[in-house]
Amino acid sequence: MECVFCKIIKGEIPSYKIYEDEYTLAFLDIALDVDGHTLVIPKNHCCNVVDSKNEDYLHVMSSVKKIVEHYVNDCKYDGCNILNASGIAAQQSVMHLHFHIIPRKNDDKLDAFMNFNGAKHGLDEMHQFLKLK
C-alpha cells in the first residue's frame, strides 16, 4: 500500500503546498494543532533518517532552512521548532521521512519540548557507548 505522503506528492490527495522543488515538498499539516505547522518531505520515498539517501536528506534540510528563513524574515515569526521522529520507537506516525516546522512567536505559550523522566545512565557511560569510533 502506498504511503499517504507519496499520494500527496503525486497529487492524488490535495494539500496546502508551501514550497516545492524538484526534490522536496512542503505543505501544511491538516491536524490544525498549531498555526503554520508545516511538513517537509523528500519526493523520493524513504522511511526515516536512517534509510534515507544522503542527497535526499540534504535536499530536505536545505528546504527546511529555506522555509524557516521565509517564516522568520518574511512572515515575521520570531523563530521555529524543527522536529523529526525516526522510527516507531520515536513515535513516527507516517513512515515517510518528514520534518515538522512549527513557526513560533515569543508570546505563543507553546511548549514544544517533551518532559523527560531523567537519564538512567551517567555521562561517562553514555559517552563510551555512543561515540563514533
N, C-alpha and C. Protein backbone atom coordinates (compact mmCIF):
# COMPACT_ATOMS: atom_id res chain seq x y z
N MET A 1 0.84 -1.18 0.00
CA MET A 1 0.00 0.00 0.00
C MET A 1 0.89 1.25 0.00
N GLU A 2 0.60 2.17 -0.87
CA GLU A 2 1.40 3.38 -0.98
C GLU A 2 1.13 4.32 0.19
N CYS A 3 2.16 5.03 0.61
CA CYS A 3 2.02 5.89 1.79
C CYS A 3 1.27 7.17 1.44
N VAL A 4 0.68 7.78 2.45
CA VAL A 4 -0.13 8.98 2.27
C VAL A 4 0.71 10.14 1.73
N PHE A 5 1.96 10.26 2.14
CA PHE A 5 2.80 11.35 1.64
C PHE A 5 3.14 11.15 0.16
N CYS A 6 3.34 9.91 -0.26
CA CYS A 6 3.57 9.65 -1.69
C CYS A 6 2.34 10.02 -2.51
N LYS A 7 1.16 9.77 -1.97
CA LYS A 7 -0.08 10.16 -2.65
C LYS A 7 -0.20 11.68 -2.74
N ILE A 8 0.23 12.39 -1.71
CA ILE A 8 0.23 13.85 -1.76
C ILE A 8 1.20 14.34 -2.82
N ILE A 9 2.39 13.75 -2.90
CA ILE A 9 3.38 14.12 -3.91
C ILE A 9 2.80 13.95 -5.31
N LYS A 10 2.08 12.85 -5.54
CA LYS A 10 1.50 12.55 -6.85
C LYS A 10 0.25 13.38 -7.15
N GLY A 11 -0.25 14.13 -6.16
CA GLY A 11 -1.45 14.91 -6.36
C GLY A 11 -2.74 14.12 -6.21
N GLU A 12 -2.63 12.89 -5.72
CA GLU A 12 -3.81 12.06 -5.52
C GLU A 12 -4.60 12.49 -4.29
N ILE A 13 -3.93 13.16 -3.36
CA ILE A 13 -4.55 13.74 -2.17
C ILE A 13 -4.20 15.22 -2.20
N PRO A 14 -5.18 16.10 -2.05
CA PRO A 14 -4.87 17.53 -2.08
C PRO A 14 -4.07 17.96 -0.86
N SER A 15 -3.31 19.04 -1.03
CA SER A 15 -2.53 19.57 0.09
C SER A 15 -2.42 21.08 -0.06
N TYR A 16 -2.06 21.72 1.03
CA TYR A 16 -1.80 23.16 1.04
C TYR A 16 -0.29 23.34 0.92
N LYS A 17 0.18 23.40 -0.33
CA LYS A 17 1.61 23.47 -0.60
C LYS A 17 2.17 24.82 -0.17
N ILE A 18 3.26 24.75 0.56
CA ILE A 18 4.00 25.93 0.99
C ILE A 18 5.21 26.14 0.08
N TYR A 19 5.84 25.04 -0.32
CA TYR A 19 7.04 25.11 -1.15
C TYR A 19 7.20 23.78 -1.86
N GLU A 20 7.72 23.86 -3.09
CA GLU A 20 8.02 22.64 -3.83
C GLU A 20 9.19 22.92 -4.76
N ASP A 21 10.08 21.95 -4.85
CA ASP A 21 11.14 21.98 -5.85
C ASP A 21 11.25 20.58 -6.44
N GLU A 22 12.29 20.34 -7.18
CA GLU A 22 12.47 19.06 -7.86
C GLU A 22 12.57 17.88 -6.89
N TYR A 23 13.05 18.13 -5.68
CA TYR A 23 13.37 17.06 -4.74
C TYR A 23 12.48 17.00 -3.51
N THR A 24 11.83 18.09 -3.17
CA THR A 24 11.10 18.15 -1.90
C THR A 24 9.72 18.80 -2.07
N LEU A 25 8.91 18.57 -1.08
CA LEU A 25 7.59 19.20 -1.00
C LEU A 25 7.35 19.59 0.45
N ALA A 26 6.81 20.78 0.65
CA ALA A 26 6.42 21.24 1.99
C ALA A 26 4.96 21.64 1.93
N PHE A 27 4.21 21.24 2.94
CA PHE A 27 2.78 21.50 2.97
C PHE A 27 2.30 21.62 4.41
N LEU A 28 1.13 22.25 4.58
CA LEU A 28 0.59 22.41 5.93
C LEU A 28 0.05 21.08 6.45
N ASP A 29 0.31 20.82 7.72
CA ASP A 29 -0.23 19.65 8.40
C ASP A 29 -1.73 19.88 8.59
N ILE A 30 -2.54 18.89 8.25
CA ILE A 30 -4.00 19.06 8.34
C ILE A 30 -4.54 18.91 9.75
N ALA A 31 -3.68 18.60 10.72
CA ALA A 31 -4.13 18.39 12.10
C ALA A 31 -4.69 19.68 12.72
N LEU A 32 -4.31 20.84 12.20
CA LEU A 32 -4.74 22.13 12.76
C LEU A 32 -4.40 22.24 14.25
N ASP A 33 -3.26 21.70 14.66
CA ASP A 33 -2.87 21.75 16.06
C ASP A 33 -2.14 23.04 16.42
N VAL A 34 -1.42 23.61 15.45
CA VAL A 34 -0.67 24.85 15.65
C VAL A 34 -0.71 25.61 14.32
N ASP A 35 -0.94 26.91 14.37
CA ASP A 35 -0.93 27.70 13.14
C ASP A 35 0.40 27.55 12.43
N GLY A 36 0.35 27.25 11.14
CA GLY A 36 1.55 27.19 10.33
C GLY A 36 2.33 25.89 10.40
N HIS A 37 1.84 24.90 11.12
CA HIS A 37 2.53 23.60 11.24
C HIS A 37 2.76 23.06 9.83
N THR A 38 4.02 22.92 9.47
CA THR A 38 4.42 22.57 8.11
C THR A 38 5.22 21.28 8.12
N LEU A 39 4.97 20.43 7.13
CA LEU A 39 5.72 19.20 6.95
C LEU A 39 6.59 19.33 5.70
N VAL A 40 7.84 18.90 5.80
CA VAL A 40 8.76 18.93 4.67
C VAL A 40 9.20 17.49 4.41
N ILE A 41 9.03 17.05 3.16
CA ILE A 41 9.30 15.66 2.81
C ILE A 41 10.14 15.57 1.53
N PRO A 42 10.90 14.48 1.39
CA PRO A 42 11.56 14.25 0.11
C PRO A 42 10.54 13.64 -0.87
N LYS A 43 10.72 13.90 -2.15
CA LYS A 43 9.84 13.29 -3.14
C LYS A 43 10.17 11.82 -3.35
N ASN A 44 11.41 11.43 -3.11
CA ASN A 44 11.77 10.01 -3.13
C ASN A 44 11.32 9.39 -1.82
N HIS A 45 10.64 8.27 -1.91
CA HIS A 45 10.17 7.62 -0.68
C HIS A 45 11.33 7.00 0.09
N CYS A 46 11.40 7.31 1.35
CA CYS A 46 12.26 6.63 2.31
C CYS A 46 11.54 6.75 3.65
N CYS A 47 11.80 5.82 4.53
CA CYS A 47 11.04 5.78 5.79
C CYS A 47 11.47 6.83 6.79
N ASN A 48 12.78 6.99 6.98
CA ASN A 48 13.24 7.89 8.03
C ASN A 48 14.69 8.31 7.77
N VAL A 49 15.28 8.99 8.72
CA VAL A 49 16.65 9.47 8.57
C VAL A 49 17.61 8.33 8.28
N VAL A 50 17.44 7.21 8.96
CA VAL A 50 18.39 6.09 8.86
C VAL A 50 18.43 5.51 7.45
N ASP A 51 17.30 5.36 6.80
CA ASP A 51 17.31 4.72 5.48
C ASP A 51 17.28 5.72 4.32
N SER A 52 17.34 7.00 4.62
CA SER A 52 17.34 8.00 3.54
C SER A 52 18.71 8.04 2.87
N LYS A 53 18.70 8.34 1.58
CA LYS A 53 19.95 8.58 0.87
C LYS A 53 20.45 9.95 1.30
N ASN A 54 21.76 10.11 1.39
CA ASN A 54 22.33 11.39 1.83
C ASN A 54 21.81 12.55 1.00
N GLU A 55 21.72 12.40 -0.32
CA GLU A 55 21.28 13.51 -1.16
C GLU A 55 19.82 13.88 -0.88
N ASP A 56 18.96 12.89 -0.62
CA ASP A 56 17.57 13.19 -0.29
C ASP A 56 17.49 13.94 1.04
N TYR A 57 18.25 13.46 2.03
CA TYR A 57 18.28 14.12 3.34
C TYR A 57 18.78 15.56 3.21
N LEU A 58 19.83 15.77 2.45
CA LEU A 58 20.39 17.11 2.30
C LEU A 58 19.42 18.04 1.57
N HIS A 59 18.70 17.54 0.58
CA HIS A 59 17.70 18.36 -0.10
C HIS A 59 16.58 18.77 0.86
N VAL A 60 16.15 17.82 1.69
CA VAL A 60 15.10 18.14 2.67
C VAL A 60 15.58 19.20 3.64
N MET A 61 16.80 19.04 4.15
CA MET A 61 17.31 20.02 5.12
C MET A 61 17.50 21.39 4.48
N SER A 62 17.89 21.43 3.22
CA SER A 62 18.00 22.70 2.51
C SER A 62 16.64 23.38 2.40
N SER A 63 15.61 22.60 2.11
CA SER A 63 14.25 23.15 2.03
C SER A 63 13.76 23.60 3.40
N VAL A 64 14.07 22.83 4.44
CA VAL A 64 13.71 23.23 5.81
C VAL A 64 14.32 24.60 6.11
N LYS A 65 15.58 24.78 5.82
CA LYS A 65 16.25 26.06 6.07
C LYS A 65 15.59 27.19 5.30
N LYS A 66 15.29 26.96 4.03
CA LYS A 66 14.65 27.97 3.18
C LYS A 66 13.29 28.39 3.76
N ILE A 67 12.52 27.42 4.20
CA ILE A 67 11.18 27.71 4.74
C ILE A 67 11.28 28.43 6.07
N VAL A 68 12.18 27.99 6.95
CA VAL A 68 12.36 28.67 8.24
C VAL A 68 12.79 30.12 8.02
N GLU A 69 13.73 30.34 7.12
CA GLU A 69 14.15 31.71 6.81
C GLU A 69 12.97 32.54 6.31
N HIS A 70 12.13 31.98 5.47
CA HIS A 70 10.95 32.68 4.97
C HIS A 70 9.98 33.01 6.10
N TYR A 71 9.73 32.04 6.98
CA TYR A 71 8.79 32.27 8.08
C TYR A 71 9.29 33.38 9.01
N VAL A 72 10.59 33.39 9.28
CA VAL A 72 11.16 34.39 10.19
C VAL A 72 11.32 35.74 9.49
N ASN A 73 11.91 35.75 8.31
CA ASN A 73 12.22 37.02 7.64
C ASN A 73 11.04 37.67 6.94
N ASP A 74 10.18 36.86 6.31
CA ASP A 74 9.09 37.42 5.52
C ASP A 74 7.74 37.37 6.24
N CYS A 75 7.52 36.33 7.02
CA CYS A 75 6.23 36.17 7.70
C CYS A 75 6.25 36.70 9.12
N LYS A 76 7.42 37.14 9.58
CA LYS A 76 7.61 37.81 10.87
C LYS A 76 7.36 36.92 12.08
N TYR A 77 7.64 35.63 11.94
CA TYR A 77 7.67 34.79 13.13
C TYR A 77 8.99 35.06 13.85
N ASP A 78 9.02 34.78 15.16
CA ASP A 78 10.22 35.03 15.96
C ASP A 78 11.20 33.86 15.93
N GLY A 79 10.75 32.70 15.52
CA GLY A 79 11.59 31.52 15.45
C GLY A 79 10.77 30.33 15.00
N CYS A 80 11.38 29.17 14.94
CA CYS A 80 10.69 27.94 14.54
C CYS A 80 11.29 26.75 15.28
N ASN A 81 10.45 25.80 15.62
CA ASN A 81 10.91 24.49 16.06
C ASN A 81 10.99 23.60 14.83
N ILE A 82 12.03 22.78 14.77
CA ILE A 82 12.18 21.78 13.72
C ILE A 82 12.22 20.44 14.42
N LEU A 83 11.27 19.58 14.09
CA LEU A 83 11.10 18.31 14.81
C LEU A 83 11.09 17.15 13.83
N ASN A 84 11.63 16.01 14.27
CA ASN A 84 11.62 14.80 13.47
C ASN A 84 11.52 13.61 14.40
N ALA A 85 10.76 12.62 13.99
CA ALA A 85 10.72 11.33 14.68
C ALA A 85 11.15 10.27 13.67
N SER A 86 12.19 9.53 13.97
CA SER A 86 12.69 8.49 13.07
C SER A 86 12.51 7.13 13.71
N GLY A 87 11.53 6.40 13.26
CA GLY A 87 11.25 5.06 13.75
C GLY A 87 10.04 5.00 14.67
N ILE A 88 9.48 3.84 14.75
CA ILE A 88 8.27 3.64 15.56
C ILE A 88 8.54 3.95 17.03
N ALA A 89 9.71 3.55 17.54
CA ALA A 89 10.04 3.81 18.94
C ALA A 89 10.10 5.31 19.23
N ALA A 90 10.38 6.12 18.20
CA ALA A 90 10.44 7.57 18.36
C ALA A 90 9.08 8.22 18.08
N GLN A 91 8.04 7.41 17.92
CA GLN A 91 6.67 7.85 17.68
C GLN A 91 6.48 8.43 16.29
N GLN A 92 7.21 7.92 15.31
CA GLN A 92 6.98 8.31 13.92
C GLN A 92 5.63 7.75 13.50
N SER A 93 4.75 8.60 12.99
CA SER A 93 3.40 8.17 12.66
C SER A 93 3.21 7.86 11.17
N VAL A 94 3.94 8.53 10.30
CA VAL A 94 3.88 8.25 8.87
C VAL A 94 5.27 7.78 8.45
N MET A 95 5.35 6.61 7.86
CA MET A 95 6.64 6.02 7.53
C MET A 95 7.18 6.56 6.20
N HIS A 96 7.34 7.86 6.16
CA HIS A 96 7.98 8.58 5.05
C HIS A 96 8.74 9.70 5.75
N LEU A 97 10.03 9.81 5.47
CA LEU A 97 10.84 10.83 6.13
C LEU A 97 10.13 12.18 6.07
N HIS A 98 10.03 12.83 7.21
CA HIS A 98 9.44 14.17 7.24
C HIS A 98 9.94 14.95 8.45
N PHE A 99 10.01 16.24 8.25
CA PHE A 99 10.36 17.17 9.32
C PHE A 99 9.19 18.11 9.53
N HIS A 100 8.91 18.38 10.80
CA HIS A 100 7.87 19.33 11.16
C HIS A 100 8.53 20.68 11.40
N ILE A 101 7.95 21.72 10.86
CA ILE A 101 8.36 23.09 11.19
C ILE A 101 7.18 23.72 11.92
N ILE A 102 7.46 24.20 13.13
CA ILE A 102 6.44 24.87 13.93
C ILE A 102 6.85 26.34 14.06
N PRO A 103 6.17 27.24 13.33
CA PRO A 103 6.50 28.66 13.46
C PRO A 103 6.13 29.16 14.86
N ARG A 104 6.99 30.00 15.43
CA ARG A 104 6.81 30.43 16.81
C ARG A 104 6.81 31.94 16.95
N LYS A 105 6.02 32.43 17.88
CA LYS A 105 6.03 33.82 18.32
C LYS A 105 6.51 33.83 19.78
N ASN A 106 7.16 34.89 20.18
CA ASN A 106 7.71 34.96 21.54
C ASN A 106 6.66 34.72 22.62
N ASP A 107 5.44 35.12 22.37
CA ASP A 107 4.40 35.04 23.41
C ASP A 107 3.36 33.94 23.13
N ASP A 108 3.69 32.92 22.33
CA ASP A 108 2.68 31.94 21.94
C ASP A 108 2.38 30.90 23.03
N LYS A 109 3.18 30.83 24.05
CA LYS A 109 2.97 29.93 25.20
C LYS A 109 2.93 28.44 24.82
N LEU A 110 3.55 28.08 23.70
CA LEU A 110 3.66 26.67 23.33
C LEU A 110 4.86 26.05 24.02
N ASP A 111 4.75 24.79 24.37
CA ASP A 111 5.88 24.04 24.90
C ASP A 111 6.15 22.90 23.93
N ALA A 112 7.14 23.06 23.09
CA ALA A 112 7.42 22.08 22.05
C ALA A 112 8.38 20.98 22.50
N PHE A 113 8.81 21.01 23.73
CA PHE A 113 9.74 20.00 24.20
C PHE A 113 9.05 19.04 25.15
N MET A 114 9.45 17.76 25.05
CA MET A 114 8.88 16.73 25.89
C MET A 114 9.40 16.86 27.31
N ASN A 115 8.64 16.35 28.23
CA ASN A 115 9.10 16.25 29.61
C ASN A 115 9.73 14.88 29.78
N PHE A 116 11.03 14.85 29.98
CA PHE A 116 11.74 13.59 30.13
C PHE A 116 11.78 13.19 31.61
N ASN A 117 11.94 11.90 31.85
CA ASN A 117 11.93 11.37 33.21
C ASN A 117 13.29 11.32 33.87
N GLY A 118 14.32 11.73 33.17
CA GLY A 118 15.67 11.67 33.73
C GLY A 118 16.46 10.51 33.15
N ALA A 119 17.75 10.71 33.01
CA ALA A 119 18.64 9.69 32.44
C ALA A 119 18.82 8.53 33.41
N LYS A 120 19.02 7.36 32.85
CA LYS A 120 19.26 6.17 33.66
C LYS A 120 20.74 5.84 33.77
N HIS A 121 21.56 6.45 32.92
CA HIS A 121 22.99 6.16 32.87
C HIS A 121 23.77 7.46 32.95
N GLY A 122 24.97 7.40 33.48
CA GLY A 122 25.83 8.58 33.61
C GLY A 122 26.42 9.01 32.28
N LEU A 123 26.97 10.21 32.27
CA LEU A 123 27.56 10.77 31.05
C LEU A 123 28.76 9.96 30.56
N ASP A 124 29.63 9.52 31.46
CA ASP A 124 30.79 8.73 31.05
C ASP A 124 30.35 7.44 30.34
N GLU A 125 29.39 6.76 30.92
CA GLU A 125 28.90 5.51 30.33
C GLU A 125 28.27 5.75 28.96
N MET A 126 27.45 6.79 28.86
CA MET A 126 26.78 7.07 27.59
C MET A 126 27.78 7.58 26.55
N HIS A 127 28.78 8.32 26.97
CA HIS A 127 29.80 8.79 26.05
C HIS A 127 30.51 7.60 25.42
N GLN A 128 30.93 6.63 26.24
CA GLN A 128 31.63 5.45 25.74
C GLN A 128 30.73 4.62 24.80
N PHE A 129 29.46 4.55 25.11
CA PHE A 129 28.53 3.76 24.33
C PHE A 129 28.20 4.43 22.98
N LEU A 130 28.04 5.74 22.97
CA LEU A 130 27.53 6.45 21.80
C LEU A 130 28.55 7.03 20.85
N LYS A 131 29.77 7.26 21.31
CA LYS A 131 30.72 7.98 20.45
C LYS A 131 31.07 7.17 19.21
N LEU A 132 31.24 7.90 18.11
CA LEU A 132 31.64 7.27 16.85
C LEU A 132 33.10 6.87 16.94
N LYS A 133 33.40 5.70 16.46
CA LYS A 133 34.77 5.19 16.55
C LYS A 133 35.41 5.14 15.19
